[in-house]
Amino acid sequence: MKTNQEIINLISEVKHPAIDYSLVDLGIVKDIAIYNKTIALKFVFPFPNIPIADTLIQSIEMPLNNIGYRLAPEVVLMNEQEKAKFMQMETEAWKGL
């Protein structure tokens, strides 16, 4: 079984496909909780109906599944402050798809 820190490190390495930051750095992935072999976390999106939402969730789910863990995602929207920070980081580090 992996330690909590190993799981957090793994999740923290997953980058956004179009922005040169990790999903954790962008504030998209938050509130990581580990229960045995299940990882509960929040995906916090800046807008509803993000076209790549499923891709972002799968980008976290796949490495967890590869080490024998299951993802239990919760999807919520960013508040205005979180959205402003995300938009600033997106502008600074946009690399495109």
N, C-alpha and C. Protein backbone atom coordinates (compact mmCIF):
# COMPACT_ATOMS: atom_id res chain seq x y z
N MET A 1 0.85 -1.20 0.00
CA MET A 1 0.00 0.00 0.00
C MET A 1 0.88 1.24 0.00
N LYS A 2 0.49 2.20 -0.80
CA LYS A 2 1.23 3.46 -0.90
C LYS A 2 0.94 4.34 0.31
N THR A 3 1.90 5.19 0.65
CA THR A 3 1.67 6.15 1.73
C THR A 3 0.82 7.30 1.18
N ASN A 4 0.22 8.05 2.09
CA ASN A 4 -0.57 9.22 1.69
C ASN A 4 0.29 10.18 0.87
N GLN A 5 1.54 10.39 1.29
CA GLN A 5 2.41 11.32 0.59
C GLN A 5 2.72 10.82 -0.83
N GLU A 6 2.90 9.52 -1.01
CA GLU A 6 3.15 8.97 -2.35
C GLU A 6 1.95 9.20 -3.27
N ILE A 7 0.75 9.03 -2.73
CA ILE A 7 -0.47 9.27 -3.51
C ILE A 7 -0.58 10.75 -3.87
N ILE A 8 -0.36 11.61 -2.91
CA ILE A 8 -0.42 13.06 -3.15
C ILE A 8 0.62 13.47 -4.18
N ASN A 9 1.84 12.92 -4.08
CA ASN A 9 2.89 13.23 -5.06
C ASN A 9 2.48 12.79 -6.46
N LEU A 10 1.88 11.61 -6.58
CA LEU A 10 1.44 11.10 -7.87
C LEU A 10 0.38 12.02 -8.48
N ILE A 11 -0.61 12.38 -7.70
CA ILE A 11 -1.68 13.26 -8.17
C ILE A 11 -1.12 14.64 -8.54
N SER A 12 -0.18 15.12 -7.76
CA SER A 12 0.39 16.45 -7.98
C SER A 12 1.23 16.55 -9.25
N GLU A 13 1.62 15.43 -9.82
CA GLU A 13 2.44 15.43 -11.04
C GLU A 13 1.61 15.54 -12.31
N VAL A 14 0.30 15.33 -12.22
CA VAL A 14 -0.55 15.32 -13.41
C VAL A 14 -0.76 16.76 -13.90
N LYS A 15 -0.30 17.01 -15.13
CA LYS A 15 -0.40 18.36 -15.70
C LYS A 15 -1.65 18.52 -16.55
N HIS A 16 -2.09 19.74 -16.64
CA HIS A 16 -3.19 20.11 -17.54
C HIS A 16 -2.66 19.97 -18.97
N PRO A 17 -3.45 19.44 -19.90
CA PRO A 17 -2.94 19.23 -21.26
C PRO A 17 -2.67 20.52 -22.04
N ALA A 18 -3.29 21.63 -21.66
CA ALA A 18 -3.13 22.87 -22.43
C ALA A 18 -2.47 24.00 -21.63
N ILE A 19 -2.28 23.80 -20.35
CA ILE A 19 -1.70 24.83 -19.48
C ILE A 19 -0.51 24.19 -18.77
N ASP A 20 0.61 24.86 -18.76
CA ASP A 20 1.83 24.27 -18.22
C ASP A 20 1.89 24.35 -16.69
N TYR A 21 0.86 23.82 -16.06
CA TYR A 21 0.77 23.67 -14.61
C TYR A 21 0.09 22.35 -14.31
N SER A 22 0.32 21.85 -13.11
CA SER A 22 -0.40 20.64 -12.69
C SER A 22 -1.84 21.01 -12.35
N LEU A 23 -2.69 20.00 -12.32
CA LEU A 23 -4.09 20.23 -11.94
C LEU A 23 -4.19 20.70 -10.50
N VAL A 24 -3.27 20.25 -9.66
CA VAL A 24 -3.25 20.70 -8.26
C VAL A 24 -2.86 22.18 -8.21
N ASP A 25 -1.79 22.56 -8.92
CA ASP A 25 -1.36 23.96 -8.93
C ASP A 25 -2.45 24.90 -9.43
N LEU A 26 -3.21 24.45 -10.43
CA LEU A 26 -4.29 25.26 -11.00
C LEU A 26 -5.51 25.35 -10.09
N GLY A 27 -5.54 24.55 -9.03
CA GLY A 27 -6.70 24.55 -8.14
C GLY A 27 -7.84 23.70 -8.64
N ILE A 28 -7.60 22.90 -9.68
CA ILE A 28 -8.64 22.03 -10.22
C ILE A 28 -8.83 20.81 -9.34
N VAL A 29 -7.75 20.29 -8.78
CA VAL A 29 -7.82 19.11 -7.90
C VAL A 29 -7.54 19.57 -6.47
N LYS A 30 -8.49 19.27 -5.57
CA LYS A 30 -8.39 19.70 -4.17
C LYS A 30 -8.94 18.64 -3.24
N ASP A 31 -8.69 18.86 -1.98
CA ASP A 31 -9.29 18.06 -0.91
C ASP A 31 -9.09 16.56 -1.12
N ILE A 32 -7.84 16.16 -1.23
CA ILE A 32 -7.50 14.76 -1.44
C ILE A 32 -7.66 14.01 -0.11
N ALA A 33 -8.48 12.97 -0.14
CA ALA A 33 -8.68 12.12 1.05
C ALA A 33 -8.48 10.67 0.63
N ILE A 34 -7.74 9.93 1.43
CA ILE A 34 -7.41 8.55 1.09
C ILE A 34 -8.07 7.62 2.10
N TYR A 35 -8.88 6.70 1.59
CA TYR A 35 -9.58 5.72 2.40
C TYR A 35 -9.26 4.34 1.84
N ASN A 36 -8.34 3.65 2.50
CA ASN A 36 -7.89 2.33 2.03
C ASN A 36 -7.42 2.45 0.59
N LYS A 37 -8.13 1.85 -0.35
CA LYS A 37 -7.73 1.87 -1.77
C LYS A 37 -8.61 2.81 -2.60
N THR A 38 -9.31 3.72 -1.93
CA THR A 38 -10.15 4.71 -2.63
C THR A 38 -9.62 6.10 -2.35
N ILE A 39 -9.49 6.87 -3.42
CA ILE A 39 -9.04 8.25 -3.32
C ILE A 39 -10.23 9.16 -3.63
N ALA A 40 -10.67 9.91 -2.64
CA ALA A 40 -11.75 10.88 -2.82
C ALA A 40 -11.11 12.25 -3.02
N LEU A 41 -11.54 12.94 -4.06
CA LEU A 41 -11.04 14.29 -4.27
C LEU A 41 -12.04 15.11 -5.05
N LYS A 42 -11.86 16.42 -4.96
CA LYS A 42 -12.73 17.35 -5.67
C LYS A 42 -12.05 17.82 -6.94
N PHE A 43 -12.82 17.83 -8.02
CA PHE A 43 -12.41 18.49 -9.25
C PHE A 43 -13.18 19.80 -9.27
N VAL A 44 -12.45 20.91 -9.20
CA VAL A 44 -13.05 22.23 -9.09
C VAL A 44 -12.81 22.95 -10.42
N PHE A 45 -13.86 23.08 -11.21
CA PHE A 45 -13.74 23.66 -12.54
C PHE A 45 -14.17 25.12 -12.54
N PRO A 46 -13.56 25.94 -13.42
CA PRO A 46 -13.90 27.36 -13.44
C PRO A 46 -15.28 27.65 -14.03
N PHE A 47 -15.76 26.75 -14.88
CA PHE A 47 -17.05 26.95 -15.55
C PHE A 47 -17.78 25.61 -15.62
N PRO A 48 -19.10 25.65 -15.72
CA PRO A 48 -19.84 24.39 -15.93
C PRO A 48 -19.59 23.89 -17.36
N ASN A 49 -19.76 22.61 -17.55
CA ASN A 49 -19.68 21.98 -18.88
C ASN A 49 -18.35 22.20 -19.58
N ILE A 50 -17.26 22.06 -18.84
CA ILE A 50 -15.92 22.15 -19.43
C ILE A 50 -15.77 20.99 -20.43
N PRO A 51 -15.42 21.27 -21.69
CA PRO A 51 -15.36 20.19 -22.69
C PRO A 51 -14.37 19.08 -22.35
N ILE A 52 -13.29 19.41 -21.63
CA ILE A 52 -12.29 18.38 -21.33
C ILE A 52 -12.39 17.87 -19.88
N ALA A 53 -13.51 18.09 -19.24
CA ALA A 53 -13.68 17.66 -17.84
C ALA A 53 -13.41 16.17 -17.68
N ASP A 54 -14.00 15.35 -18.54
CA ASP A 54 -13.79 13.90 -18.43
C ASP A 54 -12.33 13.53 -18.66
N THR A 55 -11.69 14.21 -19.58
CA THR A 55 -10.26 13.96 -19.84
C THR A 55 -9.42 14.30 -18.62
N LEU A 56 -9.72 15.40 -17.96
CA LEU A 56 -8.97 15.80 -16.77
C LEU A 56 -9.17 14.79 -15.64
N ILE A 57 -10.41 14.35 -15.46
CA ILE A 57 -10.69 13.34 -14.42
C ILE A 57 -9.95 12.05 -14.74
N GLN A 58 -10.00 11.62 -15.99
CA GLN A 58 -9.30 10.39 -16.38
C GLN A 58 -7.79 10.52 -16.24
N SER A 59 -7.26 11.72 -16.40
CA SER A 59 -5.81 11.91 -16.26
C SER A 59 -5.34 11.68 -14.82
N ILE A 60 -6.23 11.83 -13.87
CA ILE A 60 -5.93 11.50 -12.47
C ILE A 60 -6.29 10.04 -12.20
N GLU A 61 -7.41 9.60 -12.75
CA GLU A 61 -7.89 8.24 -12.49
C GLU A 61 -6.94 7.16 -13.01
N MET A 62 -6.39 7.36 -14.20
CA MET A 62 -5.55 6.34 -14.81
C MET A 62 -4.32 5.96 -13.98
N PRO A 63 -3.51 6.93 -13.53
CA PRO A 63 -2.35 6.53 -12.72
C PRO A 63 -2.75 5.91 -11.38
N LEU A 64 -3.89 6.33 -10.84
CA LEU A 64 -4.36 5.71 -9.59
C LEU A 64 -4.77 4.26 -9.83
N ASN A 65 -5.52 4.02 -10.91
CA ASN A 65 -5.91 2.65 -11.25
C ASN A 65 -4.69 1.77 -11.49
N ASN A 66 -3.65 2.34 -12.11
CA ASN A 66 -2.44 1.59 -12.41
C ASN A 66 -1.72 1.08 -11.17
N ILE A 67 -1.95 1.74 -10.04
CA ILE A 67 -1.32 1.28 -8.79
C ILE A 67 -2.34 0.63 -7.84
N GLY A 68 -3.52 0.32 -8.38
CA GLY A 68 -4.51 -0.43 -7.61
C GLY A 68 -5.46 0.39 -6.77
N TYR A 69 -5.59 1.68 -7.06
CA TYR A 69 -6.51 2.54 -6.31
C TYR A 69 -7.70 2.93 -7.19
N ARG A 70 -8.78 3.29 -6.53
CA ARG A 70 -10.01 3.71 -7.20
C ARG A 70 -10.26 5.18 -6.90
N LEU A 71 -10.67 5.92 -7.91
CA LEU A 71 -10.97 7.34 -7.74
C LEU A 71 -12.45 7.54 -7.47
N ALA A 72 -12.76 8.35 -6.47
CA ALA A 72 -14.13 8.76 -6.17
C ALA A 72 -14.18 10.29 -6.32
N PRO A 73 -14.45 10.78 -7.54
CA PRO A 73 -14.41 12.22 -7.78
C PRO A 73 -15.71 12.92 -7.39
N GLU A 74 -15.56 14.16 -7.00
CA GLU A 74 -16.70 15.06 -6.80
C GLU A 74 -16.41 16.29 -7.65
N VAL A 75 -17.36 16.75 -8.42
CA VAL A 75 -17.18 17.89 -9.31
C VAL A 75 -17.94 19.08 -8.76
N VAL A 76 -17.23 20.20 -8.60
CA VAL A 76 -17.83 21.45 -8.13
C VAL A 76 -17.28 22.60 -8.97
N LEU A 77 -17.84 23.79 -8.80
CA LEU A 77 -17.37 24.97 -9.52
C LEU A 77 -16.53 25.86 -8.61
N MET A 78 -15.57 26.54 -9.24
CA MET A 78 -14.71 27.49 -8.52
C MET A 78 -15.53 28.70 -8.08
N ASN A 79 -15.12 29.28 -6.95
CA ASN A 79 -15.69 30.57 -6.57
C ASN A 79 -14.98 31.65 -7.39
N GLU A 80 -15.39 32.88 -7.27
CA GLU A 80 -14.85 33.96 -8.10
C GLU A 80 -13.35 34.18 -7.88
N GLN A 81 -12.89 34.06 -6.64
CA GLN A 81 -11.47 34.24 -6.34
C GLN A 81 -10.65 33.10 -6.96
N GLU A 82 -11.11 31.88 -6.81
CA GLU A 82 -10.42 30.73 -7.40
C GLU A 82 -10.39 30.85 -8.93
N LYS A 83 -11.50 31.29 -9.51
CA LYS A 83 -11.59 31.43 -10.96
C LYS A 83 -10.62 32.51 -11.46
N ALA A 84 -10.51 33.62 -10.75
CA ALA A 84 -9.59 34.69 -11.14
C ALA A 84 -8.14 34.19 -11.11
N LYS A 85 -7.78 33.44 -10.09
CA LYS A 85 -6.42 32.88 -10.00
C LYS A 85 -6.18 31.90 -11.14
N PHE A 86 -7.15 31.03 -11.41
CA PHE A 86 -7.03 30.08 -12.51
C PHE A 86 -6.83 30.81 -13.83
N MET A 87 -7.64 31.81 -14.10
CA MET A 87 -7.57 32.54 -15.36
C MET A 87 -6.21 33.23 -15.53
N GLN A 88 -5.67 33.76 -14.45
CA GLN A 88 -4.35 34.39 -14.49
C GLN A 88 -3.28 33.35 -14.82
N MET A 89 -3.34 32.21 -14.16
CA MET A 89 -2.36 31.15 -14.41
C MET A 89 -2.49 30.61 -15.84
N GLU A 90 -3.73 30.49 -16.31
CA GLU A 90 -3.96 30.02 -17.68
C GLU A 90 -3.33 30.98 -18.68
N THR A 91 -3.51 32.27 -18.47
CA THR A 91 -2.95 33.28 -19.36
C THR A 91 -1.43 33.21 -19.37
N GLU A 92 -0.83 33.03 -18.21
CA GLU A 92 0.62 32.99 -18.09
C GLU A 92 1.24 31.75 -18.72
N ALA A 93 0.54 30.62 -18.67
CA ALA A 93 1.17 29.35 -19.03
C ALA A 93 0.45 28.58 -20.14
N TRP A 94 -0.37 29.25 -20.93
CA TRP A 94 -1.11 28.57 -22.00
C TRP A 94 -0.13 28.02 -23.03
N LYS A 95 -0.28 26.75 -23.34
CA LYS A 95 0.55 26.12 -24.37
C LYS A 95 -0.30 25.55 -25.50
N GLY A 96 -1.62 25.52 -25.32
CA GLY A 96 -2.54 25.06 -26.35
C GLY A 96 -2.69 23.55 -26.37
N LEU A 97 -3.68 23.10 -27.10
CA LEU A 97 -3.92 21.66 -27.23
C LEU A 97 -3.38 21.13 -28.54
